[in-house]
Amino acid sequence: MKMLLVNGSPRKGNTCTALTALKEGLANVPQLEITQIDAASVAIAPCKACEYCREHGLCLDEDDTNRVISAVAEADTLILATPVYWWGVSAQLKLLIDKFYSQAEALAAKSKTVGLLMVGQAATDDLQYSLISQQIQCICEYLGWKLTFARAFSADGPQELAENKAALEEIEQLWKLL
């Protein structure tokens, strides 16, 4: 089974901590091939709505788009992890998600399980987390994927999540939902 982790954070902080905890739990899954893409480390230009991809099945941009979206298409499970910036996912992750359009048919051809990790300053019952969850749920429904979990965690400082043992244990156990 192939799993792709997408780190939407541009820095090494709470989102990276969440992914590290998740990977510790994923060590319990036999024969799991894990790949991670850091959205801040790939070059993806914004979608230009040129529609080249509708005719050719690939994005016209000569950047990392086609490689990254092909990796998403090949994965059996996709984990999106993002800090919460201004009531939404990070700009780095949003660029990648927008480019799903370029290979939508290939993405929809293979059912996937999807997990969503969100880390923000607000309390976990804040509206921003449900807005992000709803957006990812809509994308999953459109592509025929199954969103198996969407978990929010509150962390104010850059290392606060690392000090929250209960949250880390919860994240580590999320593998059971996949």
Protein backbone atom coordinates (compact mmCIF):
# COMPACT_ATOMS: atom_id res chain seq x y z
CA MET A 1 0.00 0.00 0.00
CA LYS A 2 1.28 3.45 -0.94
CA MET A 3 0.72 6.44 1.31
CA LEU A 4 1.54 10.02 0.46
CA LEU A 5 1.95 12.56 3.25
CA VAL A 6 1.67 16.18 2.14
CA ASN A 7 3.15 18.67 4.56
CA GLY A 8 1.52 22.04 3.90
CA SER A 9 3.70 23.97 6.33
CA PRO A 10 6.47 26.30 5.17
CA ARG A 11 8.39 25.85 8.43
CA LYS A 12 9.45 23.18 10.90
CA GLY A 13 6.86 23.54 13.65
CA ASN A 14 3.62 22.04 14.85
CA THR A 15 2.50 20.57 11.51
CA CYS A 16 5.82 18.73 11.18
CA THR A 17 5.41 17.53 14.77
CA ALA A 18 1.95 16.17 13.92
CA LEU A 19 3.28 14.32 10.88
CA THR A 20 6.13 12.85 12.92
CA ALA A 21 3.64 11.52 15.48
CA LEU A 22 1.49 10.08 12.70
CA LYS A 23 4.51 8.34 11.15
CA GLU A 24 5.25 6.73 14.52
CA GLY A 25 1.78 5.20 14.50
CA LEU A 26 2.05 4.21 10.85
CA ALA A 27 5.04 2.05 11.74
CA ASN A 28 2.39 -0.45 12.90
CA VAL A 29 1.11 -0.94 9.34
CA PRO A 30 2.92 -3.76 7.56
CA GLN A 31 4.12 -3.27 3.99
CA LEU A 32 3.27 0.42 3.96
CA GLU A 33 5.31 2.52 1.56
CA ILE A 34 5.33 6.12 2.81
CA THR A 35 6.39 9.10 0.74
CA GLN A 36 6.29 12.70 1.96
CA ILE A 37 6.09 15.86 -0.07
CA ASP A 38 6.74 19.20 1.56
CA ALA A 39 4.57 21.67 -0.32
CA ALA A 40 6.96 24.50 0.51
CA SER A 41 9.84 22.66 -1.16
CA VAL A 42 8.25 22.05 -4.55
CA ALA A 43 7.89 24.58 -7.32
CA ILE A 44 4.23 24.79 -8.30
CA ALA A 45 2.92 27.78 -10.20
CA PRO A 46 -0.67 28.91 -9.66
CA CYS A 47 -3.28 27.51 -12.03
CA LYS A 48 -3.83 29.83 -14.98
CA ALA A 49 -7.15 28.26 -16.07
CA CYS A 50 -5.65 27.80 -19.54
CA GLU A 51 -7.43 24.43 -19.95
CA TYR A 52 -4.34 22.83 -21.54
CA CYS A 53 -4.72 19.98 -19.06
CA ARG A 54 -8.27 19.21 -20.25
CA GLU A 55 -6.92 18.30 -23.67
CA HIS A 56 -3.58 16.78 -22.67
CA GLY A 57 -4.16 15.33 -19.19
CA LEU A 58 -1.18 17.18 -17.78
CA CYS A 59 -0.41 20.71 -16.69
CA LEU A 60 1.36 22.99 -19.16
CA ASP A 61 3.60 24.47 -16.44
CA GLU A 62 7.17 23.19 -16.56
CA ASP A 63 7.49 22.94 -12.80
CA ASP A 64 6.86 20.18 -10.23
CA THR A 65 3.09 20.07 -10.81
CA ASN A 66 2.88 16.94 -12.95
CA ARG A 67 5.32 14.98 -10.80
CA VAL A 68 3.54 15.90 -7.57
CA ILE A 69 0.01 15.33 -8.85
CA SER A 70 1.09 12.00 -10.37
CA ALA A 71 2.34 10.99 -6.90
CA VAL A 72 -1.06 11.91 -5.48
CA ALA A 73 -2.75 9.82 -8.19
CA GLU A 74 -0.57 6.78 -7.46
CA ALA A 75 -1.15 6.82 -3.69
CA ASP A 76 -3.73 4.59 -2.04
CA THR A 77 -3.91 6.91 0.96
CA LEU A 78 -3.34 10.64 1.08
CA ILE A 79 -2.68 12.59 4.27
CA LEU A 80 -2.93 16.37 4.05
CA ALA A 81 -1.37 18.26 6.96
CA THR A 82 -1.65 22.01 7.20
CA PRO A 83 -1.25 24.90 9.56
CA VAL A 84 -4.29 27.13 9.60
CA TYR A 85 -3.58 30.48 7.98
CA TRP A 86 -6.34 33.04 7.81
CA TRP A 87 -9.21 30.51 8.11
CA GLY A 88 -7.80 28.16 5.49
CA VAL A 89 -5.01 25.85 4.45
CA SER A 90 -1.54 27.26 3.84
CA ALA A 91 -0.89 28.92 0.49
CA GLN A 92 1.65 26.21 -0.31
CA LEU A 93 -0.93 23.45 0.14
CA LYS A 94 -3.61 25.42 -1.69
CA LEU A 95 -1.38 25.72 -4.77
CA LEU A 96 -0.99 21.96 -4.81
CA ILE A 97 -4.71 21.31 -4.28
CA ASP A 98 -5.63 23.74 -7.06
CA LYS A 99 -3.46 21.74 -9.42
CA PHE A 100 -5.56 18.60 -8.72
CA TYR A 101 -7.67 19.99 -11.55
CA SER A 102 -4.91 19.26 -14.06
CA GLN A 103 -5.21 15.50 -13.53
CA ALA A 104 -8.71 15.23 -12.11
CA GLU A 105 -9.61 12.21 -14.25
CA ALA A 106 -6.50 10.30 -13.17
CA LEU A 107 -7.13 11.28 -9.54
CA ALA A 108 -10.75 10.10 -9.70
CA ALA A 109 -9.79 6.82 -11.40
CA LYS A 110 -8.37 5.38 -8.18
CA SER A 111 -10.31 5.47 -4.94
CA LYS A 112 -8.36 6.74 -1.97
CA THR A 113 -8.65 7.14 1.72
CA VAL A 114 -7.76 10.62 2.88
CA GLY A 115 -6.80 12.02 6.25
CA LEU A 116 -6.59 15.67 7.24
CA LEU A 117 -4.50 17.15 10.05
CA MET A 118 -4.97 20.83 10.89
CA VAL A 119 -3.00 22.82 13.44
CA GLY A 120 -3.98 26.36 14.36
CA GLN A 121 -3.92 28.83 17.20
CA ALA A 122 -7.67 28.80 17.79
CA ALA A 123 -9.49 26.31 19.99
CA THR A 124 -10.40 23.13 18.14
CA ASP A 125 -14.10 23.99 18.04
CA ASP A 126 -13.42 27.15 16.01
CA LEU A 127 -15.17 27.59 12.66
CA GLN A 128 -11.89 27.69 10.71
CA TYR A 129 -11.34 23.96 11.15
CA SER A 130 -14.80 23.03 9.91
CA LEU A 131 -14.35 25.32 6.88
CA ILE A 132 -11.16 23.49 5.93
CA SER A 133 -12.73 20.09 6.62
CA GLN A 134 -15.74 20.94 4.46
CA GLN A 135 -13.53 22.02 1.57
CA ILE A 136 -11.49 18.81 1.70
CA GLN A 137 -14.69 16.75 2.06
CA CYS A 138 -16.10 18.38 -1.09
CA ILE A 139 -12.91 17.62 -3.01
CA CYS A 140 -13.02 14.01 -1.81
CA GLU A 141 -16.65 13.61 -2.83
CA TYR A 142 -15.95 15.09 -6.25
CA LEU A 143 -13.06 12.69 -6.84
CA GLY A 144 -14.77 9.66 -5.30
CA TRP A 145 -12.37 9.51 -2.36
CA LYS A 146 -13.21 8.82 1.29
CA LEU A 147 -12.22 11.31 3.98
CA THR A 148 -11.56 9.00 6.92
CA PHE A 149 -10.52 11.63 9.44
CA ALA A 150 -10.21 15.38 9.82
CA ARG A 151 -8.55 16.28 13.11
CA ALA A 152 -7.81 19.73 14.45
CA PHE A 153 -5.21 20.56 17.06
CA SER A 154 -4.61 23.84 18.83
CA ALA A 155 -1.05 25.05 19.27
CA ASP A 156 -0.04 28.66 19.66
CA GLY A 157 3.75 28.63 19.72
CA PRO A 158 5.90 26.88 17.12
CA GLN A 159 6.71 23.95 19.43
CA GLU A 160 3.55 23.84 21.55
CA LEU A 161 2.18 20.65 19.98
CA ALA A 162 5.41 18.84 20.84
CA GLU A 163 4.63 19.48 24.51
CA ASN A 164 1.04 18.17 24.29
CA LYS A 165 1.42 14.45 25.02
CA ALA A 166 -2.33 13.73 24.75
CA ALA A 167 -2.53 15.28 21.29
CA LEU A 168 0.57 13.43 20.10
CA GLU A 169 -0.86 10.13 21.35
CA GLU A 170 -4.15 10.85 19.54
CA ILE A 171 -2.31 11.61 16.30
CA GLU A 172 -0.17 8.50 16.64
CA GLN A 173 -3.34 6.37 16.86
CA LEU A 174 -4.96 7.82 13.72
CA TRP A 175 -3.45 5.03 11.63
CA LYS A 176 -6.22 2.80 13.01
CA LEU A 177 -8.81 4.85 11.11
CA LEU A 178 -7.17 4.18 7.76
